[in-house]
């Protein structure tokens, strides 16, 4: 195994944000789904904040047509800042939106060929370094964040990692599921990956949940990866080929996951995070009691 002292750190992260967000129409007709706010923070901001906490320095957004507003969100808004400063307002709410010049890169996914293809589109920026992947639809809520927990595990075991959550076994057919090996606390060896198995065939109830740390060799596999389920290039298919070749582990996230790709999950995330906020939590709780009363 590679000496931890010479293991390359995880400095780069890929954010696949080219989707059309059709499940949220008409809200997403002109606004990217990733900019829909959960309370007062866009969905993409939660993922970027989580990445920063984990030590990520370079952010690669895989975008599509009509998604330029995502980049604008992380740009400097001179008129806004000048107006706020002139009115004596604090610029602190804008601090999370600041990314150092040169540390945000966008690449285009011209055709919707799936997650594996989106990740492959970032190959030139990733180069020969390990990298993280964030699916912004999956809002991972907790402290320390999901990726910080994964980076800690990566520094221990290296190789490839996925975040997993345990769900009721009857729900596994909607997700990618790991075949587990030995476990040590939150860390589980991955022996196999199955995409959307039948309940009877599921190797476990541990589902892959939108966060990855992968070695750069995955790009070479994606290069020649044929279309899989749904006629798309599946990231899971290429990841499975690394099992047994490189170390592969799952980290069970000690926190909450909200599926913001669905309307119900989005509402759940908004309520849960609002209730957890010190500034508005008590008021939101009273509103919820009235509505439910």
C-alpha atoms as a PDB file:
ATOM      1  CA  UNK A   1       0.000   0.000   0.000  1.00  0.00           C
ATOM      2  CA  UNK A   2       1.146   3.515  -0.758  1.00  0.00           C
ATOM      3  CA  UNK A   3       2.926   5.289   2.075  1.00  0.00           C
ATOM      4  CA  UNK A   4       0.434   7.844   3.505  1.00  0.00           C
ATOM      5  CA  UNK A   5       3.236  10.402   3.571  1.00  0.00           C
ATOM      6  CA  UNK A   6       3.476  10.409  -0.218  1.00  0.00           C
ATOM      7  CA  UNK A   7      -0.208   9.854  -1.007  1.00  0.00           C
ATOM      8  CA  UNK A   8      -1.534  12.667  -3.164  1.00  0.00           C
ATOM      9  CA  UNK A   9      -4.049  14.836  -1.285  1.00  0.00           C
ATOM     10  CA  UNK A  10      -7.587  15.354  -2.556  1.00  0.00           C
ATOM     11  CA  UNK A  11      -7.469  18.948  -3.808  1.00  0.00           C
ATOM     12  CA  UNK A  12      -9.942  18.889  -6.711  1.00  0.00           C
ATOM     13  CA  UNK A  13     -13.668  18.234  -6.871  1.00  0.00           C
ATOM     14  CA  UNK A  14     -16.076  17.675  -9.752  1.00  0.00           C
ATOM     15  CA  UNK A  15     -19.652  18.966  -9.539  1.00  0.00           C
ATOM     16  CA  UNK A  16     -21.911  17.559 -12.295  1.00  0.00           C
ATOM     17  CA  UNK A  17     -24.457  20.360 -12.758  1.00  0.00           C
ATOM     18  CA  UNK A  18     -25.576  19.967 -16.374  1.00  0.00           C
ATOM     19  CA  UNK A  19     -28.997  18.437 -15.646  1.00  0.00           C
ATOM     20  CA  UNK A  20     -32.183  20.125 -16.833  1.00  0.00           C
ATOM     21  CA  UNK A  21     -34.070  19.822 -13.535  1.00  0.00           C
ATOM     22  CA  UNK A  22     -37.297  18.835 -15.300  1.00  0.00           C
ATOM     23  CA  UNK A  23     -38.849  17.514 -12.078  1.00  0.00           C
ATOM     24  CA  UNK A  24     -38.933  21.081 -10.751  1.00  0.00           C
ATOM     25  CA  UNK A  25     -40.491  22.807 -13.752  1.00  0.00           C
ATOM     26  CA  UNK A  26     -41.586  25.553 -14.133  1.00  0.00           C
ATOM     27  CA  UNK A  27     -39.202  26.802 -11.388  1.00  0.00           C
ATOM     28  CA  UNK A  28     -36.191  25.546 -13.353  1.00  0.00           C
ATOM     29  CA  UNK A  29     -37.171  26.940 -16.752  1.00  0.00           C
ATOM     30  CA  UNK A  30     -34.842  29.946 -16.370  1.00  0.00           C
ATOM     31  CA  UNK A  31     -33.054  29.182 -13.087  1.00  0.00           C
ATOM     32  CA  UNK A  32     -30.693  26.208 -12.697  1.00  0.00           C
ATOM     33  CA  UNK A  33     -32.023  23.669 -10.212  1.00  0.00           C
ATOM     34  CA  UNK A  34     -28.740  23.932  -8.301  1.00  0.00           C
ATOM     35  CA  UNK A  35     -29.547  27.573  -7.474  1.00  0.00           C
ATOM     36  CA  UNK A  36     -32.905  26.832  -5.875  1.00  0.00           C
ATOM     37  CA  UNK A  37     -32.573  27.927  -2.239  1.00  0.00           C
ATOM     38  CA  UNK A  38     -32.829  25.698   0.796  1.00  0.00           C
ATOM     39  CA  UNK A  39     -33.815  28.448   3.254  1.00  0.00           C
ATOM     40  CA  UNK A  40     -31.378  31.214   2.133  1.00  0.00           C
ATOM     41  CA  UNK A  41     -28.580  29.226   0.516  1.00  0.00           C
ATOM     42  CA  UNK A  42     -28.594  27.695  -2.974  1.00  0.00           C
ATOM     43  CA  UNK A  43     -28.276  23.932  -3.211  1.00  0.00           C
ATOM     44  CA  UNK A  44     -24.876  24.187  -4.923  1.00  0.00           C
ATOM     45  CA  UNK A  45     -23.589  26.360  -2.072  1.00  0.00           C
ATOM     46  CA  UNK A  46     -24.120  23.567   0.457  1.00  0.00           C
ATOM     47  CA  UNK A  47     -21.966  21.257  -1.677  1.00  0.00           C
ATOM     48  CA  UNK A  48     -19.209  23.866  -2.171  1.00  0.00           C
ATOM     49  CA  UNK A  49     -19.172  24.636   1.561  1.00  0.00           C
ATOM     50  CA  UNK A  50     -18.829  20.923   2.306  1.00  0.00           C
ATOM     51  CA  UNK A  51     -15.967  20.681  -0.185  1.00  0.00           C
ATOM     52  CA  UNK A  52     -14.100  23.604   1.347  1.00  0.00           C
ATOM     53  CA  UNK A  53     -14.432  22.136   4.820  1.00  0.00           C
ATOM     54  CA  UNK A  54     -12.755  18.990   3.487  1.00  0.00           C
ATOM     55  CA  UNK A  55      -9.776  20.940   2.106  1.00  0.00           C
ATOM     56  CA  UNK A  56     -10.832  21.067  -1.553  1.00  0.00           C
ATOM     57  CA  UNK A  57      -9.068  23.903  -3.368  1.00  0.00           C
ATOM     58  CA  UNK A  58     -10.149  23.560  -7.018  1.00  0.00           C
ATOM     59  CA  UNK A  59     -13.774  23.348  -8.146  1.00  0.00           C
ATOM     60  CA  UNK A  60     -14.731  21.864 -11.517  1.00  0.00           C
ATOM     61  CA  UNK A  61     -18.322  22.475 -12.612  1.00  0.00           C
ATOM     62  CA  UNK A  62     -19.536  20.249 -15.460  1.00  0.00           C
ATOM     63  CA  UNK A  63     -22.242  22.463 -16.926  1.00  0.00           C
ATOM     64  CA  UNK A  64     -24.655  22.553 -19.834  1.00  0.00           C
ATOM     65  CA  UNK A  65     -26.475  25.230 -21.791  1.00  0.00           C
ATOM     66  CA  UNK A  66     -28.420  27.674 -19.633  1.00  0.00           C
ATOM     67  CA  UNK A  67     -26.296  27.056 -16.538  1.00  0.00           C
ATOM     68  CA  UNK A  68     -24.100  30.163 -16.557  1.00  0.00           C
ATOM     69  CA  UNK A  69     -25.926  31.574 -13.514  1.00  0.00           C
ATOM     70  CA  UNK A  70     -24.189  28.948 -11.354  1.00  0.00           C
ATOM     71  CA  UNK A  71     -20.823  30.467 -12.232  1.00  0.00           C
ATOM     72  CA  UNK A  72     -22.219  33.980 -11.726  1.00  0.00           C
ATOM     73  CA  UNK A  73     -23.191  32.987  -8.189  1.00  0.00           C
ATOM     74  CA  UNK A  74     -19.534  32.430  -7.331  1.00  0.00           C
ATOM     75  CA  UNK A  75     -18.301  35.557  -9.136  1.00  0.00           C
ATOM     76  CA  UNK A  76     -17.800  39.015  -7.637  1.00  0.00           C
ATOM     77  CA  UNK A  77     -20.929  41.172  -7.881  1.00  0.00           C
ATOM     78  CA  UNK A  78     -19.400  44.650  -7.927  1.00  0.00           C
ATOM     79  CA  UNK A  79     -22.650  46.649  -8.127  1.00  0.00           C
ATOM     80  CA  UNK A  80     -24.289  44.627  -5.363  1.00  0.00           C
ATOM     81  CA  UNK A  81     -21.264  44.931  -3.081  1.00  0.00           C
ATOM     82  CA  UNK A  82     -20.870  48.650  -3.744  1.00  0.00           C
ATOM     83  CA  UNK A  83     -24.552  49.263  -3.011  1.00  0.00           C
ATOM     84  CA  UNK A  84     -24.453  47.195   0.191  1.00  0.00           C
ATOM     85  CA  UNK A  85     -21.259  48.925   1.340  1.00  0.00           C
ATOM     86  CA  UNK A  86     -22.738  52.334   0.602  1.00  0.00           C
ATOM     87  CA  UNK A  87     -25.756  51.481   2.748  1.00  0.00           C
ATOM     88  CA  UNK A  88     -23.586  50.256   5.600  1.00  0.00           C
ATOM     89  CA  UNK A  89     -24.654  46.623   5.169  1.00  0.00           C
ATOM     90  CA  UNK A  90     -22.312  43.767   6.014  1.00  0.00           C
ATOM     91  CA  UNK A  91     -20.876  41.767   3.102  1.00  0.00           C
ATOM     92  CA  UNK A  92     -20.562  38.686   5.326  1.00  0.00           C
ATOM     93  CA  UNK A  93     -23.552  36.881   3.713  1.00  0.00           C
ATOM     94  CA  UNK A  94     -21.563  36.888   0.452  1.00  0.00           C
ATOM     95  CA  UNK A  95     -18.420  35.321   1.955  1.00  0.00           C
ATOM     96  CA  UNK A  96     -19.362  31.707   1.064  1.00  0.00           C
ATOM     97  CA  UNK A  97     -19.808  32.724  -2.591  1.00  0.00           C
ATOM     98  CA  UNK A  98     -16.190  33.838  -2.980  1.00  0.00           C
ATOM     99  CA  UNK A  99     -13.823  31.478  -4.808  1.00  0.00           C
ATOM    100  CA  UNK A 100     -10.214  32.486  -5.450  1.00  0.00           C
ATOM    101  CA  UNK A 101      -9.504  33.570  -9.046  1.00  0.00           C
ATOM    102  CA  UNK A 102      -8.478  30.571 -11.123  1.00  0.00           C
ATOM    103  CA  UNK A 103      -9.884  28.002  -8.675  1.00  0.00           C
ATOM    104  CA  UNK A 104     -13.231  27.611 -10.433  1.00  0.00           C
ATOM    105  CA  UNK A 105     -13.218  25.870 -13.805  1.00  0.00           C
ATOM    106  CA  UNK A 106     -16.205  24.994 -15.976  1.00  0.00           C
ATOM    107  CA  UNK A 107     -16.341  22.356 -18.688  1.00  0.00           C
ATOM    108  CA  UNK A 108     -19.315  21.610 -20.944  1.00  0.00           C
ATOM    109  CA  UNK A 109     -21.180  18.331 -21.208  1.00  0.00           C
ATOM    110  CA  UNK A 110     -22.727  18.891 -24.611  1.00  0.00           C
ATOM    111  CA  UNK A 111     -24.927  15.788 -24.571  1.00  0.00           C
ATOM    112  CA  UNK A 112     -26.725  14.200 -21.590  1.00  0.00           C
ATOM    113  CA  UNK A 113     -24.983  10.834 -21.522  1.00  0.00           C
ATOM    114  CA  UNK A 114     -25.038  10.215 -17.796  1.00  0.00           C
ATOM    115  CA  UNK A 115     -22.942  10.722 -14.685  1.00  0.00           C
ATOM    116  CA  UNK A 116     -19.971   8.723 -15.942  1.00  0.00           C
ATOM    117  CA  UNK A 117     -19.783  10.867 -19.054  1.00  0.00           C
ATOM    118  CA  UNK A 118     -20.089  14.074 -16.993  1.00  0.00           C
ATOM    119  CA  UNK A 119     -17.149  13.035 -14.824  1.00  0.00           C
ATOM    120  CA  UNK A 120     -15.108  12.087 -17.914  1.00  0.00           C
ATOM    121  CA  UNK A 121     -15.680  15.593 -19.305  1.00  0.00           C
ATOM    122  CA  UNK A 122     -13.485  16.911 -16.450  1.00  0.00           C
ATOM    123  CA  UNK A 123     -10.502  14.670 -17.301  1.00  0.00           C
ATOM    124  CA  UNK A 124      -8.199  17.434 -18.574  1.00  0.00           C
ATOM    125  CA  UNK A 125      -8.629  19.457 -15.392  1.00  0.00           C
ATOM    126  CA  UNK A 126      -8.248  16.477 -13.053  1.00  0.00           C
ATOM    127  CA  UNK A 127      -5.068  15.176 -14.705  1.00  0.00           C
ATOM    128  CA  UNK A 128      -3.262  12.529 -12.638  1.00  0.00           C
ATOM    129  CA  UNK A 129      -4.659  13.479  -9.223  1.00  0.00           C
ATOM    130  CA  UNK A 130      -7.270  11.814  -7.008  1.00  0.00           C
ATOM    131  CA  UNK A 131     -10.462  13.838  -6.936  1.00  0.00           C
ATOM    132  CA  UNK A 132     -13.802  14.138  -5.197  1.00  0.00           C
ATOM    133  CA  UNK A 133     -17.247  14.103  -6.802  1.00  0.00           C
ATOM    134  CA  UNK A 134     -20.247  15.922  -5.336  1.00  0.00           C
ATOM    135  CA  UNK A 135     -23.795  15.357  -6.558  1.00  0.00           C
ATOM    136  CA  UNK A 136     -25.478  18.582  -5.375  1.00  0.00           C
ATOM    137  CA  UNK A 137     -28.951  16.969  -5.426  1.00  0.00           C
ATOM    138  CA  UNK A 138     -27.805  14.988  -2.410  1.00  0.00           C
ATOM    139  CA  UNK A 139     -27.678  17.498   0.435  1.00  0.00           C
ATOM    140  CA  UNK A 140     -25.490  15.919   3.114  1.00  0.00           C
ATOM    141  CA  UNK A 141     -26.120  17.657   6.409  1.00  0.00           C
ATOM    142  CA  UNK A 142     -23.948  17.239   9.474  1.00  0.00           C
ATOM    143  CA  UNK A 143     -20.750  18.299  11.206  1.00  0.00           C
ATOM    144  CA  UNK A 144     -18.125  17.343  10.292  1.00  0.00           C
ATOM    145  CA  UNK A 145     -19.404  17.195   6.733  1.00  0.00           C
ATOM    146  CA  UNK A 146     -19.614  14.038   4.665  1.00  0.00           C
ATOM    147  CA  UNK A 147     -16.565  14.807   2.517  1.00  0.00           C
ATOM    148  CA  UNK A 148     -14.480  15.776   5.564  1.00  0.00           C
ATOM    149  CA  UNK A 149     -15.272  12.335   7.011  1.00  0.00           C
ATOM    150  CA  UNK A 150     -14.331  10.712   3.689  1.00  0.00           C
ATOM    151  CA  UNK A 151     -11.037  12.613   3.369  1.00  0.00           C
ATOM    152  CA  UNK A 152     -10.117  11.510   6.886  1.00  0.00           C
ATOM    153  CA  UNK A 153     -10.750   7.905   5.830  1.00  0.00           C
ATOM    154  CA  UNK A 154      -8.846   8.432   2.556  1.00  0.00           C
ATOM    155  CA  UNK A 155      -5.811   9.649   4.457  1.00  0.00           C
ATOM    156  CA  UNK A 156      -5.926   6.355   6.335  1.00  0.00           C
ATOM    157  CA  UNK A 157      -6.608   3.801   3.586  1.00  0.00           C
ATOM    158  CA  UNK A 158      -6.134   5.587   0.228  1.00  0.00           C
ATOM    159  CA  UNK A 159      -7.624   4.268  -2.982  1.00  0.00           C
ATOM    160  CA  UNK A 160     -11.271   4.882  -3.844  1.00  0.00           C
ATOM    161  CA  UNK A 161     -14.118   5.679  -1.502  1.00  0.00           C
ATOM    162  CA  UNK A 162     -17.866   6.186  -1.692  1.00  0.00           C
ATOM    163  CA  UNK A 163     -20.199   7.508   0.969  1.00  0.00           C
ATOM    164  CA  UNK A 164     -23.004   5.160   1.962  1.00  0.00           C
ATOM    165  CA  UNK A 165     -26.137   5.284   4.077  1.00  0.00           C
ATOM    166  CA  UNK A 166     -28.209   2.421   5.417  1.00  0.00           C
ATOM    167  CA  UNK A 167     -31.821   2.348   4.217  1.00  0.00           C
ATOM    168  CA  UNK A 168     -34.699  -0.101   4.716  1.00  0.00           C
ATOM    169  CA  UNK A 169     -33.986  -3.110   2.510  1.00  0.00           C
ATOM    170  CA  UNK A 170     -37.237  -2.613   0.552  1.00  0.00           C
ATOM    171  CA  UNK A 171     -35.887   0.719  -0.763  1.00  0.00           C
ATOM    172  CA  UNK A 172     -32.598  -0.522  -2.265  1.00  0.00           C
ATOM    173  CA  UNK A 173     -33.939  -1.007  -5.796  1.00  0.00           C
ATOM    174  CA  UNK A 174     -33.812   2.773  -6.314  1.00  0.00           C
ATOM    175  CA  UNK A 175     -30.083   3.104  -5.618  1.00  0.00           C
ATOM    176  CA  UNK A 176     -26.579   1.833  -6.200  1.00  0.00           C
ATOM    177  CA  UNK A 177     -25.766  -0.709  -3.488  1.00  0.00           C
ATOM    178  CA  UNK A 178     -22.428  -2.015  -2.210  1.00  0.00           C
ATOM    179  CA  UNK A 179     -21.491  -5.627  -1.568  1.00  0.00           C
ATOM    180  CA  UNK A 180     -19.694  -5.210   1.762  1.00  0.00           C
ATOM    181  CA  UNK A 181     -16.561  -6.891   3.037  1.00  0.00           C
ATOM    182  CA  UNK A 182     -14.911  -6.313   6.395  1.00  0.00           C
ATOM    183  CA  UNK A 183     -16.071  -3.351   8.481  1.00  0.00           C
ATOM    184  CA  UNK A 184     -14.160  -1.213  10.941  1.00  0.00           C
ATOM    185  CA  UNK A 185     -16.312   1.461  12.531  1.00  0.00           C
ATOM    186  CA  UNK A 186     -17.706   3.699   9.779  1.00  0.00           C
ATOM    187  CA  UNK A 187     -15.344   2.158   7.194  1.00  0.00           C
ATOM    188  CA  UNK A 188     -16.478  -0.833   5.132  1.00  0.00           C
ATOM    189  CA  UNK A 189     -14.518  -2.693   2.469  1.00  0.00           C
ATOM    190  CA  UNK A 190     -16.323  -2.694  -0.886  1.00  0.00           C
ATOM    191  CA  UNK A 191     -16.362  -6.069  -2.647  1.00  0.00           C
ATOM    192  CA  UNK A 192     -18.808  -5.121  -5.372  1.00  0.00           C
ATOM    193  CA  UNK A 193     -21.258  -2.494  -6.653  1.00  0.00           C
ATOM    194  CA  UNK A 194     -24.745  -3.194  -7.965  1.00  0.00           C
ATOM    195  CA  UNK A 195     -26.909  -0.550  -9.639  1.00  0.00           C
ATOM    196  CA  UNK A 196     -30.599  -0.657  -8.624  1.00  0.00           C
ATOM    197  CA  UNK A 197     -30.816  -4.344  -7.666  1.00  0.00           C
ATOM    198  CA  UNK A 198     -34.043  -6.207  -6.983  1.00  0.00           C
ATOM    199  CA  UNK A 199     -34.684  -6.423  -3.251  1.00  0.00           C
ATOM    200  CA  UNK A 200     -34.140 -10.178  -3.315  1.00  0.00           C
ATOM    201  CA  UNK A 201     -30.768  -9.766  -5.061  1.00  0.00           C
ATOM    202  CA  UNK A 202     -29.426  -6.831  -3.011  1.00  0.00           C
ATOM    203  CA  UNK A 203     -26.047  -7.613  -1.383  1.00  0.00           C
ATOM    204  CA  UNK A 204     -26.717  -5.144   1.473  1.00  0.00           C
ATOM    205  CA  UNK A 205     -28.840  -2.184   2.511  1.00  0.00           C
ATOM    206  CA  UNK A 206     -25.934   0.250   2.159  1.00  0.00           C
ATOM    207  CA  UNK A 207     -26.661   2.670  -0.681  1.00  0.00           C
ATOM    208  CA  UNK A 208     -24.163   4.926  -2.451  1.00  0.00           C
ATOM    209  CA  UNK A 209     -25.106   8.481  -1.559  1.00  0.00           C
ATOM    210  CA  UNK A 210     -23.686  11.108  -3.867  1.00  0.00           C
ATOM    211  CA  UNK A 211     -20.099  11.575  -2.612  1.00  0.00           C
ATOM    212  CA  UNK A 212     -17.009   9.908  -4.053  1.00  0.00           C
ATOM    213  CA  UNK A 213     -13.229  10.037  -3.881  1.00  0.00           C
ATOM    214  CA  UNK A 214     -11.735   8.372  -6.953  1.00  0.00           C
ATOM    215  CA  UNK A 215      -8.288   7.779  -8.370  1.00  0.00           C
ATOM    216  CA  UNK A 216      -7.493   9.288 -11.798  1.00  0.00           C
ATOM    217  CA  UNK A 217      -7.425   5.820 -13.407  1.00  0.00           C
ATOM    218  CA  UNK A 218     -11.231   5.990 -13.488  1.00  0.00           C
ATOM    219  CA  UNK A 219     -10.946   8.416 -16.441  1.00  0.00           C
ATOM    220  CA  UNK A 220      -9.246   5.801 -18.612  1.00  0.00           C
ATOM    221  CA  UNK A 221     -12.033   3.334 -17.830  1.00  0.00           C
ATOM    222  CA  UNK A 222     -14.746   5.886 -18.584  1.00  0.00           C
ATOM    223  CA  UNK A 223     -13.025   6.617 -21.924  1.00  0.00           C
ATOM    224  CA  UNK A 224     -13.979   3.162 -23.207  1.00  0.00           C
ATOM    225  CA  UNK A 225     -17.062   2.566 -21.048  1.00  0.00           C
ATOM    226  CA  UNK A 226     -20.054   1.455 -23.079  1.00  0.00           C
ATOM    227  CA  UNK A 227     -23.573   2.634 -22.379  1.00  0.00           C
ATOM    228  CA  UNK A 228     -25.247   0.887 -19.474  1.00  0.00           C
ATOM    229  CA  UNK A 229     -28.577   1.254 -17.681  1.00  0.00           C
ATOM    230  CA  UNK A 230     -30.856   3.849 -19.273  1.00  0.00           C
ATOM    231  CA  UNK A 231     -28.582   4.151 -22.315  1.00  0.00           C
ATOM    232  CA  UNK A 232     -26.157   6.254 -20.255  1.00  0.00           C
ATOM    233  CA  UNK A 233     -22.491   5.893 -19.363  1.00  0.00           C
ATOM    234  CA  UNK A 234     -22.736   4.768 -15.748  1.00  0.00           C
ATOM    235  CA  UNK A 235     -20.036   5.780 -13.276  1.00  0.00           C
ATOM    236  CA  UNK A 236     -20.839   2.665 -11.228  1.00  0.00           C
ATOM    237  CA  UNK A 237     -19.778   0.378 -14.099  1.00  0.00           C
ATOM    238  CA  UNK A 238     -16.292   1.887 -14.254  1.00  0.00           C
ATOM    239  CA  UNK A 239     -15.918   2.066 -10.464  1.00  0.00           C
ATOM    240  CA  UNK A 240     -16.690  -1.641 -10.224  1.00  0.00           C
ATOM    241  CA  UNK A 241     -13.645  -2.375 -12.422  1.00  0.00           C
ATOM    242  CA  UNK A 242     -11.356  -0.764  -9.828  1.00  0.00           C
ATOM    243  CA  UNK A 243     -12.514  -3.120  -7.071  1.00  0.00           C
ATOM    244  CA  UNK A 244      -9.748  -5.613  -6.393  1.00  0.00           C
ATOM    245  CA  UNK A 245      -7.275  -3.512  -8.400  1.00  0.00           C
ATOM    246  CA  UNK A 246      -7.082  -0.568  -6.001  1.00  0.00           C
ATOM    247  CA  UNK A 247      -8.270  -0.241  -2.392  1.00  0.00           C
ATOM    248  CA  UNK A 248     -12.014   0.454  -2.348  1.00  0.00           C
ATOM    249  CA  UNK A 249     -13.972   1.419   0.759  1.00  0.00           C
ATOM    250  CA  UNK A 250     -17.291   2.892   1.812  1.00  0.00           C
ATOM    251  CA  UNK A 251     -17.733   5.468   4.555  1.00  0.00           C
ATOM    252  CA  UNK A 252     -21.055   5.431   6.414  1.00  0.00           C
ATOM    253  CA  UNK A 253     -21.924   9.103   6.799  1.00  0.00           C
ATOM    254  CA  UNK A 254     -22.673  10.178  10.368  1.00  0.00           C
ATOM    255  CA  UNK A 255     -25.277  12.770   9.442  1.00  0.00           C
ATOM    256  CA  UNK A 256     -28.462  13.267   7.429  1.00  0.00           C
ATOM    257  CA  UNK A 257     -29.041  12.974   3.697  1.00  0.00           C
ATOM    258  CA  UNK A 258     -31.778  14.853   1.894  1.00  0.00           C
ATOM    259  CA  UNK A 259     -32.723  13.853  -1.646  1.00  0.00           C
ATOM    260  CA  UNK A 260     -33.211  17.307  -3.144  1.00  0.00           C
ATOM    261  CA  UNK A 261     -33.724  15.783  -6.572  1.00  0.00           C
ATOM    262  CA  UNK A 262     -37.322  15.159  -5.487  1.00  0.00           C
ATOM    263  CA  UNK A 263     -39.872  17.757  -4.448  1.00  0.00           C
ATOM    264  CA  UNK A 264     -40.669  15.992  -1.189  1.00  0.00           C
ATOM    265  CA  UNK A 265     -36.984  15.672  -0.326  1.00  0.00           C
ATOM    266  CA  UNK A 266     -36.431  19.338  -1.121  1.00  0.00           C
ATOM    267  CA  UNK A 267     -39.253  20.378   1.198  1.00  0.00           C
ATOM    268  CA  UNK A 268     -37.940  18.024   3.887  1.00  0.00           C
ATOM    269  CA  UNK A 269     -34.456  19.573   3.635  1.00  0.00           C
ATOM    270  CA  UNK A 270     -35.885  23.093   3.857  1.00  0.00           C
ATOM    271  CA  UNK A 271     -37.938  22.275   6.954  1.00  0.00           C
ATOM    272  CA  UNK A 272     -35.213  20.305   8.717  1.00  0.00           C
ATOM    273  CA  UNK A 273     -32.505  22.911   8.133  1.00  0.00           C
ATOM    274  CA  UNK A 274     -34.841  25.805   9.009  1.00  0.00           C
ATOM    275  CA  UNK A 275     -35.765  24.076  12.282  1.00  0.00           C
ATOM    276  CA  UNK A 276     -32.065  23.573  13.050  1.00  0.00           C
ATOM    277  CA  UNK A 277     -31.190  27.235  12.510  1.00  0.00           C
ATOM    278  CA  UNK A 278     -30.591  29.305  15.639  1.00  0.00           C
ATOM    279  CA  UNK A 279     -31.925  32.472  14.017  1.00  0.00           C
ATOM    280  CA  UNK A 280     -35.283  31.157  12.776  1.00  0.00           C
ATOM    281  CA  UNK A 281     -35.709  27.656  14.199  1.00  0.00           C
ATOM    282  CA  UNK A 282     -38.099  28.527  17.045  1.00  0.00           C
ATOM    283  CA  UNK A 283     -40.332  30.629  14.782  1.00  0.00           C
ATOM    284  CA  UNK A 284     -40.479  27.927  12.110  1.00  0.00           C
ATOM    285  CA  UNK A 285     -41.374  25.371  14.787  1.00  0.00           C
ATOM    286  CA  UNK A 286     -44.315  27.504  15.877  1.00  0.00           C
ATOM    287  CA  UNK A 287     -45.468  27.910  12.267  1.00  0.00           C
ATOM    288  CA  UNK A 288     -45.277  24.129  11.768  1.00  0.00           C
ATOM    289  CA  UNK A 289     -47.346  23.546  14.928  1.00  0.00           C
ATOM    290  CA  UNK A 290     -50.034  25.924  13.664  1.00  0.00           C
ATOM    291  CA  UNK A 291     -50.142  24.296  10.248  1.00  0.00           C
ATOM    292  CA  UNK A 292     -50.352  20.813  11.742  1.00  0.00           C
ATOM    293  CA  UNK A 293     -52.803  21.814  14.462  1.00  0.00           C
END
